[in-house]
PDB file of N, CA and C in Angstrom:
ATOM      1  N   MET A   1      23.444  45.323   2.079  1.00  0.00           N
ATOM      2  CA  MET A   1      23.845  46.438   2.907  1.00  0.00           C
ATOM      3  C   MET A   1      24.659  47.272   2.229  1.00  0.00           C
ATOM      4  N   LEU A   2      24.341  48.708   2.359  1.00  0.00           N
ATOM      5  CA  LEU A   2      25.219  49.600   1.517  1.00  0.00           C
ATOM      6  C   LEU A   2      25.717  50.555   2.477  1.00  0.00           C
ATOM      7  N   ARG A   3      27.010  50.683   2.578  1.00  0.00           N
ATOM      8  CA  ARG A   3      27.760  51.623   3.275  1.00  0.00           C
ATOM      9  C   ARG A   3      27.750  52.993   2.593  1.00  0.00           C
ATOM     10  N   CYS A   4      27.970  53.164   1.476  1.00  0.00           N
ATOM     11  CA  CYS A   4      27.941  54.435   0.697  1.00  0.00           C
ATOM     12  C   CYS A   4      27.841  54.388  -0.994  1.00  0.00           C
ATOM     13  N   LEU A   5      27.201  55.451  -1.373  1.00  0.00           N
ATOM     14  CA  LEU A   5      27.408  55.430  -2.798  1.00  0.00           C
ATOM     15  C   LEU A   5      28.106  56.630  -2.995  1.00  0.00           C
ATOM     16  N   TYR A   6      29.102  56.416  -4.086  1.00  0.00           N
ATOM     17  CA  TYR A   6      30.240  57.588  -4.237  1.00  0.00           C
ATOM     18  C   TYR A   6      29.479  58.846  -4.795  1.00  0.00           C
ATOM     19  N   SER A   7      29.938  59.859  -4.493  1.00  0.00           N
ATOM     20  CA  SER A   7      29.509  61.185  -4.855  1.00  0.00           C
ATOM     21  C   SER A   7      30.151  61.633  -6.331  1.00  0.00           C
ATOM     22  N   LEU A   8      29.415  62.705  -6.769  1.00  0.00           N
ATOM     23  CA  LEU A   8      30.037  63.390  -7.823  1.00  0.00           C
ATOM     24  C   LEU A   8      30.700  64.619  -7.531  1.00  0.00           C
ATOM     25  N   CYS A   9      31.022  64.809  -6.429  1.00  0.00           N
ATOM     26  CA  CYS A   9      31.656  66.143  -5.983  1.00  0.00           C
ATOM     27  C   CYS A   9      32.756  65.766  -5.099  1.00  0.00           C
ATOM     28  N   ASN A  10      33.889  66.269  -5.016  1.00  0.00           N
ATOM     29  CA  ASN A  10      34.963  66.200  -4.315  1.00  0.00           C
ATOM     30  C   ASN A  10      35.164  66.986  -2.991  1.00  0.00           C
ATOM     31  N   ASP A  11      34.559  66.503  -1.969  1.00  0.00           N
ATOM     32  CA  ASP A  11      34.332  67.313  -0.824  1.00  0.00           C
ATOM     33  C   ASP A  11      34.429  66.362   0.677  1.00  0.00           C
ATOM     34  N   GLU A  12      34.167  66.781   1.621  1.00  0.00           N
ATOM     35  CA  GLU A  12      34.217  65.922   3.050  1.00  0.00           C
ATOM     36  C   GLU A  12      32.943  65.249   3.056  1.00  0.00           C
ATOM     37  N   SER A  13      31.903  65.373   2.152  1.00  0.00           N
ATOM     38  CA  SER A  13      30.371  64.765   2.152  1.00  0.00           C
ATOM     39  C   SER A  13      30.661  63.233   1.864  1.00  0.00           C
ATOM     40  N   GLY A  14      31.694  62.830   1.518  1.00  0.00           N
ATOM     41  CA  GLY A  14      31.551  61.530   0.763  1.00  0.00           C
ATOM     42  C   GLY A  14      32.787  61.174  -0.120  1.00  0.00           C
ATOM     43  N   VAL A  15      33.009  60.101  -0.657  1.00  0.00           N
ATOM     44  CA  VAL A  15      33.917  59.633  -1.549  1.00  0.00           C
ATOM     45  C   VAL A  15      33.676  59.859  -2.998  1.00  0.00           C
ATOM     46  N   ASP A  16      34.446  60.467  -3.479  1.00  0.00           N
ATOM     47  CA  ASP A  16      34.538  61.059  -4.918  1.00  0.00           C
ATOM     48  C   ASP A  16      34.507  59.749  -5.801  1.00  0.00           C
ATOM     49  N   LEU A  17      33.328  59.744  -6.746  1.00  0.00           N
ATOM     50  CA  LEU A  17      33.401  58.775  -7.920  1.00  0.00           C
ATOM     51  C   LEU A  17      34.721  58.675  -8.590  1.00  0.00           C
ATOM     52  N   THR A  18      35.226  59.858  -8.977  1.00  0.00           N
ATOM     53  CA  THR A  18      36.444  60.001  -9.692  1.00  0.00           C
ATOM     54  C   THR A  18      37.659  59.293  -9.045  1.00  0.00           C
ATOM     55  N   ALA A  19      37.747  59.902  -7.862  1.00  0.00           N
ATOM     56  CA  ALA A  19      38.973  59.205  -6.998  1.00  0.00           C
ATOM     57  C   ALA A  19      38.704  57.670  -6.727  1.00  0.00           C
ATOM     58  N   ALA A  20      37.678  57.302  -6.468  1.00  0.00           N
ATOM     59  CA  ALA A  20      37.269  55.875  -6.134  1.00  0.00           C
ATOM     60  C   ALA A  20      37.767  55.046  -7.473  1.00  0.00           C
ATOM     61  N   TYR A  21      37.294  55.426  -8.674  1.00  0.00           N
ATOM     62  CA  TYR A  21      37.664  54.875  -9.917  1.00  0.00           C
ATOM     63  C   TYR A  21      39.012  54.783 -10.154  1.00  0.00           C
ATOM     64  N   GLU A  22      39.935  55.938  -9.831  1.00  0.00           N
ATOM     65  CA  GLU A  22      41.189  55.972 -10.098  1.00  0.00           C
ATOM     66  C   GLU A  22      42.038  55.026  -9.153  1.00  0.00           C
ATOM     67  N   GLU A  23      41.532  54.950  -7.886  1.00  0.00           N
ATOM     68  CA  GLU A  23      42.097  54.015  -6.913  1.00  0.00           C
ATOM     69  C   GLU A  23      41.837  52.821  -7.132  1.00  0.00           C
ATOM     70  N   LEU A  24      40.847  52.288  -7.806  1.00  0.00           N
ATOM     71  CA  LEU A  24      40.498  50.840  -7.947  1.00  0.00           C
ATOM     72  C   LEU A  24      40.538  50.314  -9.337  1.00  0.00           C
ATOM     73  N   LYS A  25      40.660  51.284 -10.515  1.00  0.00           N
ATOM     74  CA  LYS A  25      40.700  50.562 -11.883  1.00  0.00           C
ATOM     75  C   LYS A  25      41.335  49.515 -12.153  1.00  0.00           C
ATOM     76  N   ASP A  26      42.655  49.467 -11.674  1.00  0.00           N
ATOM     77  CA  ASP A  26      43.486  48.202 -12.020  1.00  0.00           C
ATOM     78  C   ASP A  26      43.060  46.841 -11.464  1.00  0.00           C
ATOM     79  N   ASP A  27      42.246  47.155 -10.224  1.00  0.00           N
ATOM     80  CA  ASP A  27      41.383  45.627  -9.785  1.00  0.00           C
ATOM     81  C   ASP A  27      40.161  45.290 -10.132  1.00  0.00           C
ATOM     82  N   ILE A  28      39.261  46.364 -10.910  1.00  0.00           N
ATOM     83  CA  ILE A  28      38.111  45.888 -11.597  1.00  0.00           C
ATOM     84  C   ILE A  28      38.111  45.474 -13.140  1.00  0.00           C
ATOM     85  N   VAL A  29      37.403  44.327 -13.330  1.00  0.00           N
ATOM     86  CA  VAL A  29      37.252  43.902 -14.532  1.00  0.00           C
ATOM     87  C   VAL A  29      36.890  45.119 -15.566  1.00  0.00           C
ATOM     88  N   ALA A  30      37.446  44.880 -16.801  1.00  0.00           N
ATOM     89  CA  ALA A  30      37.075  46.025 -17.935  1.00  0.00           C
ATOM     90  C   ALA A  30      35.590  45.955 -18.072  1.00  0.00           C
ATOM     91  N   GLY A  31      34.846  47.036 -18.333  1.00  0.00           N
ATOM     92  CA  GLY A  31      33.478  47.007 -18.438  1.00  0.00           C
ATOM     93  C   GLY A  31      32.581  47.634 -17.315  1.00  0.00           C
ATOM     94  N   PHE A  32      33.397  47.672 -16.155  1.00  0.00           N
ATOM     95  CA  PHE A  32      32.647  47.962 -14.737  1.00  0.00           C
ATOM     96  C   PHE A  32      33.146  49.325 -14.381  1.00  0.00           C
ATOM     97  N   PHE A  33      32.641  49.999 -13.612  1.00  0.00           N
ATOM     98  CA  PHE A  33      33.196  51.131 -12.647  1.00  0.00           C
ATOM     99  C   PHE A  33      32.486  50.970 -11.349  1.00  0.00           C
ATOM    100  N   PRO A  34      33.062  51.505 -10.202  1.00  0.00           N
ATOM    101  CA  PRO A  34      32.528  51.421  -9.028  1.00  0.00           C
ATOM    102  C   PRO A  34      31.601  52.605  -8.525  1.00  0.00           C
ATOM    103  N   ILE A  35      30.609  52.127  -7.962  1.00  0.00           N
ATOM    104  CA  ILE A  35      29.560  53.407  -7.769  1.00  0.00           C
ATOM    105  C   ILE A  35      29.410  53.494  -6.321  1.00  0.00           C
ATOM    106  N   GLY A  36      29.758  52.553  -5.495  1.00  0.00           N
ATOM    107  CA  GLY A  36      29.456  52.401  -3.877  1.00  0.00           C
ATOM    108  C   GLY A  36      30.149  51.267  -3.100  1.00  0.00           C
ATOM    109  N   GLU A  37      29.992  51.078  -2.038  1.00  0.00           N
ATOM    110  CA  GLU A  37      30.537  49.839  -1.348  1.00  0.00           C
ATOM    111  C   GLU A  37      29.640  49.656  -0.188  1.00  0.00           C
ATOM    112  N   ASP A  38      29.850  48.227   0.048  1.00  0.00           N
ATOM    113  CA  ASP A  38      29.285  47.718   1.368  1.00  0.00           C
ATOM    114  C   ASP A  38      30.169  47.897   2.595  1.00  0.00           C
ATOM    115  N   PRO A  39      29.529  47.675   3.937  1.00  0.00           N
ATOM    116  CA  PRO A  39      30.311  47.962   5.038  1.00  0.00           C
ATOM    117  C   PRO A  39      31.584  47.174   5.260  1.00  0.00           C
ATOM    118  N   GLY A  40      31.546  46.175   4.486  1.00  0.00           N
ATOM    119  CA  GLY A  40      33.030  45.169   4.817  1.00  0.00           C
ATOM    120  C   GLY A  40      33.839  45.470   3.608  1.00  0.00           C
ATOM    121  N   GLY A  41      33.615  46.487   2.611  1.00  0.00           N
ATOM    122  CA  GLY A  41      34.707  46.814   1.574  1.00  0.00           C
ATOM    123  C   GLY A  41      34.569  46.252   0.177  1.00  0.00           C
ATOM    124  N   ASN A  42      33.447  45.362   0.021  1.00  0.00           N
ATOM    125  CA  ASN A  42      32.992  45.149  -1.275  1.00  0.00           C
ATOM    126  C   ASN A  42      32.440  46.154  -2.044  1.00  0.00           C
ATOM    127  N   LEU A  43      32.332  46.125  -3.480  1.00  0.00           N
ATOM    128  CA  LEU A  43      32.029  46.990  -4.187  1.00  0.00           C
ATOM    129  C   LEU A  43      30.739  46.832  -4.783  1.00  0.00           C
ATOM    130  N   ILE A  44      29.857  47.837  -5.183  1.00  0.00           N
ATOM    131  CA  ILE A  44      28.922  48.119  -6.140  1.00  0.00           C
ATOM    132  C   ILE A  44      29.095  48.506  -7.368  1.00  0.00           C
ATOM    133  N   LEU A  45      29.085  47.906  -8.493  1.00  0.00           N
ATOM    134  CA  LEU A  45      29.775  48.114  -9.791  1.00  0.00           C
ATOM    135  C   LEU A  45      28.636  48.283 -10.727  1.00  0.00           C
ATOM    136  N   ARG A  46      28.854  49.306 -11.682  1.00  0.00           N
ATOM    137  CA  ARG A  46      27.952  49.693 -12.790  1.00  0.00           C
ATOM    138  C   ARG A  46      28.559  48.919 -14.128  1.00  0.00           C
ATOM    139  N   SER A  47      27.861  48.148 -14.766  1.00  0.00           N
ATOM    140  CA  SER A  47      28.373  47.557 -15.959  1.00  0.00           C
ATOM    141  C   SER A  47      28.145  48.773 -17.123  1.00  0.00           C
ATOM    142  N   THR A  48      29.244  48.520 -18.100  1.00  0.00           N
ATOM    143  CA  THR A  48      28.966  49.738 -19.139  1.00  0.00           C
ATOM    144  C   THR A  48      29.132  49.215 -20.457  1.00  0.00           C
ATOM    145  N   GLN A  49      29.192  47.652 -20.744  1.00  0.00           N
ATOM    146  CA  GLN A  49      29.173  47.111 -21.998  1.00  0.00           C
ATOM    147  C   GLN A  49      28.277  46.078 -22.346  1.00  0.00           C
ATOM    148  N   GLY A  50      28.043  45.859 -23.657  1.00  0.00           N
ATOM    149  CA  GLY A  50      27.336  44.464 -23.978  1.00  0.00           C
ATOM    150  C   GLY A  50      25.807  44.806 -23.506  1.00  0.00           C
ATOM    151  N   ASP A  51      25.298  43.598 -23.684  1.00  0.00           N
ATOM    152  CA  ASP A  51      23.748  43.161 -23.393  1.00  0.00           C
ATOM    153  C   ASP A  51      23.510  43.754 -21.913  1.00  0.00           C
ATOM    154  N   ASP A  52      24.410  43.770 -20.976  1.00  0.00           N
ATOM    155  CA  ASP A  52      24.423  43.910 -19.699  1.00  0.00           C
ATOM    156  C   ASP A  52      24.485  45.217 -19.362  1.00  0.00           C
ATOM    157  N   GLY A  53      24.862  46.176 -20.162  1.00  0.00           N
ATOM    158  CA  GLY A  53      25.246  47.535 -20.052  1.00  0.00           C
ATOM    159  C   GLY A  53      24.014  48.329 -19.263  1.00  0.00           C
ATOM    160  N   ASP A  54      24.343  49.139 -18.126  1.00  0.00           N
ATOM    161  CA  ASP A  54      23.710  49.719 -17.258  1.00  0.00           C
ATOM    162  C   ASP A  54      23.336  48.928 -15.958  1.00  0.00           C
ATOM    163  N   ALA A  55      23.569  47.521 -15.992  1.00  0.00           N
ATOM    164  CA  ALA A  55      23.205  46.642 -14.824  1.00  0.00           C
ATOM    165  C   ALA A  55      24.051  46.948 -13.790  1.00  0.00           C
ATOM    166  N   ILE A  56      23.694  46.781 -12.492  1.00  0.00           N
ATOM    167  CA  ILE A  56      24.319  46.933 -11.154  1.00  0.00           C
ATOM    168  C   ILE A  56      24.693  45.759 -10.480  1.00  0.00           C
ATOM    169  N   TYR A  57      25.971  45.489 -10.146  1.00  0.00           N
ATOM    170  CA  TYR A  57      26.459  44.306  -9.605  1.00  0.00           C
ATOM    171  C   TYR A  57      26.978  44.612  -8.231  1.00  0.00           C
ATOM    172  N   PHE A  58      27.101  43.423  -7.465  1.00  0.00           N
ATOM    173  CA  PHE A  58      27.800  43.361  -6.352  1.00  0.00           C
ATOM    174  C   PHE A  58      28.910  42.626  -6.467  1.00  0.00           C
ATOM    175  N   TRP A  59      30.330  43.194  -6.315  1.00  0.00           N
ATOM    176  CA  TRP A  59      31.630  42.376  -6.262  1.00  0.00           C
ATOM    177  C   TRP A  59      32.051  42.068  -4.984  1.00  0.00           C
ATOM    178  N   ASP A  60      32.104  40.732  -4.887  1.00  0.00           N
ATOM    179  CA  ASP A  60      32.444  40.158  -3.705  1.00  0.00           C
ATOM    180  C   ASP A  60      34.242  40.052  -3.753  1.00  0.00           C
ATOM    181  N   ARG A  61      34.792  41.238  -3.587  1.00  0.00           N
ATOM    182  CA  ARG A  61      36.232  41.208  -3.816  1.00  0.00           C
ATOM    183  C   ARG A  61      36.979  40.579  -2.408  1.00  0.00           C
ATOM    184  N   LEU A  62      36.221  40.551  -1.444  1.00  0.00           N
ATOM    185  CA  LEU A  62      36.972  39.848  -0.292  1.00  0.00           C
ATOM    186  C   LEU A  62      36.687  38.309  -0.333  1.00  0.00           C
ATOM    187  N   GLY A  63      35.882  37.826  -1.066  1.00  0.00           N
ATOM    188  CA  GLY A  63      36.012  36.407  -1.601  1.00  0.00           C
ATOM    189  C   GLY A  63      34.918  35.556  -0.401  1.00  0.00           C
ATOM    190  N   PHE A  64      34.141  36.082   0.257  1.00  0.00           N
ATOM    191  CA  PHE A  64      33.099  35.278   1.095  1.00  0.00           C
ATOM    192  C   PHE A  64      32.280  34.537   0.371  1.00  0.00           C
ATOM    193  N   LEU A  65      31.758  34.940  -0.666  1.00  0.00           N
ATOM    194  CA  LEU A  65      30.577  34.353  -1.490  1.00  0.00           C
ATOM    195  C   LEU A  65      31.426  33.577  -2.581  1.00  0.00           C
ATOM    196  N   ALA A  66      32.166  34.300  -3.079  1.00  0.00           N
ATOM    197  CA  ALA A  66      33.271  33.608  -4.141  1.00  0.00           C
ATOM    198  C   ALA A  66      33.683  32.306  -3.637  1.00  0.00           C
ATOM    199  N   ASN A  67      34.108  31.928  -2.483  1.00  0.00           N
ATOM    200  CA  ASN A  67      34.598  30.651  -2.198  1.00  0.00           C
ATOM    201  C   ASN A  67      33.487  29.696  -1.907  1.00  0.00           C
ATOM    202  N   ARG A  68      32.162  30.062  -1.638  1.00  0.00           N
ATOM    203  CA  ARG A  68      31.092  29.298  -1.395  1.00  0.00           C
ATOM    204  C   ARG A  68      30.264  28.959  -2.823  1.00  0.00           C
ATOM    205  N   LEU A  69      30.288  29.888  -3.855  1.00  0.00           N
ATOM    206  CA  LEU A  69      29.505  29.936  -4.923  1.00  0.00           C
ATOM    207  C   LEU A  69      30.164  29.906  -6.091  1.00  0.00           C
ATOM    208  N   GLY A  70      31.571  30.017  -6.145  1.00  0.00           N
ATOM    209  CA  GLY A  70      32.360  29.886  -7.388  1.00  0.00           C
ATOM    210  C   GLY A  70      32.505  30.987  -8.099  1.00  0.00           C
ATOM    211  N   LYS A  71      31.754  32.287  -7.614  1.00  0.00           N
ATOM    212  CA  LYS A  71      31.843  33.427  -8.510  1.00  0.00           C
ATOM    213  C   LYS A  71      31.986  34.701  -7.905  1.00  0.00           C
ATOM    214  N   SER A  72      32.309  35.693  -8.204  1.00  0.00           N
ATOM    215  CA  SER A  72      32.516  37.017  -7.432  1.00  0.00           C
ATOM    216  C   SER A  72      31.809  38.134  -7.574  1.00  0.00           C
ATOM    217  N   ARG A  73      31.175  38.053  -8.897  1.00  0.00           N
ATOM    218  CA  ARG A  73      30.046  39.253  -9.446  1.00  0.00           C
ATOM    219  C   ARG A  73      28.673  38.720  -9.329  1.00  0.00           C
ATOM    220  N   PHE A  74      27.751  39.339  -8.788  1.00  0.00           N
ATOM    221  CA  PHE A  74      26.427  38.962  -8.647  1.00  0.00           C
ATOM    222  C   PHE A  74      25.488  40.309  -9.250  1.00  0.00           C
ATOM    223  N   ARG A  75      24.766  39.985 -10.160  1.00  0.00           N
ATOM    224  CA  ARG A  75      23.822  41.111 -10.663  1.00  0.00           C
ATOM    225  C   ARG A  75      22.762  41.446  -9.546  1.00  0.00           C
ATOM    226  N   ILE A  76      22.667  42.728  -9.378  1.00  0.00           N
ATOM    227  CA  ILE A  76      21.536  43.322  -8.416  1.00  0.00           C
ATOM    228  C   ILE A  76      20.292  43.726  -9.110  1.00  0.00           C
ATOM    229  N   THR A  77      20.617  44.413 -10.026  1.00  0.00           N
ATOM    230  CA  THR A  77      19.357  45.020 -10.667  1.00  0.00           C
ATOM    231  C   THR A  77      19.913  45.182 -12.407  1.00  0.00           C
ATOM    232  N   ILE A  78      18.818  45.347 -13.171  1.00  0.00           N
ATOM    233  CA  ILE A  78      19.095  45.502 -14.441  1.00  0.00           C
ATOM    234  C   ILE A  78      19.611  47.079 -14.866  1.00  0.00           C
ATOM    235  N   ASN A  79      19.343  48.031 -14.163  1.00  0.00           N
ATOM    236  CA  ASN A  79      19.800  49.482 -14.212  1.00  0.00           C
ATOM    237  C   ASN A  79      19.879  50.239 -12.964  1.00  0.00           C
ATOM    238  N   ILE A  80      20.123  51.287 -13.276  1.00  0.00           N
ATOM    239  CA  ILE A  80      20.439  52.253 -11.913  1.00  0.00           C
ATOM    240  C   ILE A  80      19.062  52.852 -11.518  1.00  0.00           C
ATOM    241  N   GLU A  81      18.295  52.937 -12.253  1.00  0.00           N
ATOM    242  CA  GLU A  81      16.895  53.362 -11.679  1.00  0.00           C
ATOM    243  C   GLU A  81      16.098  52.278 -11.010  1.00  0.00           C
ATOM    244  N   GLU A  82      16.388  51.126 -11.462  1.00  0.00           N
ATOM    245  CA  GLU A  82      15.681  49.829 -10.530  1.00  0.00           C
ATOM    246  C   GLU A  82      16.451  49.732  -9.298  1.00  0.00           C
ATOM    247  N   PHE A  83      17.947  49.823  -9.315  1.00  0.00           N
ATOM    248  CA  PHE A  83      18.711  49.919  -8.119  1.00  0.00           C
ATOM    249  C   PHE A  83      18.227  50.924  -7.017  1.00  0.00           C
ATOM    250  N   HIS A  84      18.083  52.284  -7.552  1.00  0.00           N
ATOM    251  CA  HIS A  84      17.721  53.457  -6.640  1.00  0.00           C
ATOM    252  C   HIS A  84      16.431  52.936  -6.161  1.00  0.00           C
ATOM    253  N   ALA A  85      15.664  52.479  -6.801  1.00  0.00           N
ATOM    254  CA  ALA A  85      14.088  52.109  -6.417  1.00  0.00           C
ATOM    255  C   ALA A  85      14.162  51.105  -5.396  1.00  0.00           C
ATOM    256  N   SER A  86      15.025  50.251  -5.179  1.00  0.00           N
ATOM    257  CA  SER A  86      15.353  49.166  -4.339  1.00  0.00           C
ATOM    258  C   SER A  86      15.873  49.484  -3.015  1.00  0.00           C
ATOM    259  N   LEU A  87      16.379  50.402  -2.916  1.00  0.00           N
ATOM    260  CA  LEU A  87      17.040  51.137  -1.718  1.00  0.00           C
ATOM    261  C   LEU A  87      16.232  51.547  -0.563  1.00  0.00           C
ATOM    262  N   HIS A  88      16.517  50.969   0.575  1.00  0.00           N
ATOM    263  CA  HIS A  88      15.480  51.438   1.807  1.00  0.00           C
ATOM    264  C   HIS A  88      16.309  51.425   3.104  1.00  0.00           C
ATOM    265  N   SER A  89      15.717  52.061   4.059  1.00  0.00           N
ATOM    266  CA  SER A  89      16.697  52.327   5.324  1.00  0.00           C
ATOM    267  C   SER A  89      16.398  51.068   6.118  1.00  0.00           C
ATOM    268  N   VAL A  90      17.334  50.731   7.057  1.00  0.00           N
ATOM    269  CA  VAL A  90      17.172  49.461   7.822  1.00  0.00           C
ATOM    270  C   VAL A  90      17.400  50.224   9.281  1.00  0.00           C
ATOM    271  N   VAL A  91      16.313  49.959  10.097  1.00  0.00           N
ATOM    272  CA  VAL A  91      16.295  50.482  11.545  1.00  0.00           C
ATOM    273  C   VAL A  91      17.029  49.519  12.340  1.00  0.00           C
ATOM    274  N   ASP A  92      17.804  49.707  13.177  1.00  0.00           N
ATOM    275  CA  ASP A  92      18.667  48.684  14.110  1.00  0.00           C
ATOM    276  C   ASP A  92      17.301  48.357  15.104  1.00  0.00           C
ATOM    277  N   ALA A  93      17.278  47.389  15.417  1.00  0.00           N
ATOM    278  CA  ALA A  93      16.111  46.545  16.457  1.00  0.00           C
ATOM    279  C   ALA A  93      16.543  46.724  17.821  1.00  0.00           C
TER     280      ALA A  93
END
């Protein structure tokens, strides 16, 4: 589930990408930057370095999956285009 993707503009329509990065940069591993978040406050990250550059990750910063699986970052897609194509609305039943 995705709560929001950060926007490129700084207005009331959403969370600004630059502001989110500035707020979170000390908590995020080098080579990643936040592009969004889930409803629980976990982050969606974009990789920027190495063979995995451009990949999109889920960061379980609250520890739910990390406690069970022993890791906190999980690759979602190999690039932003694939991530965008995978998004769809969920209708409440």
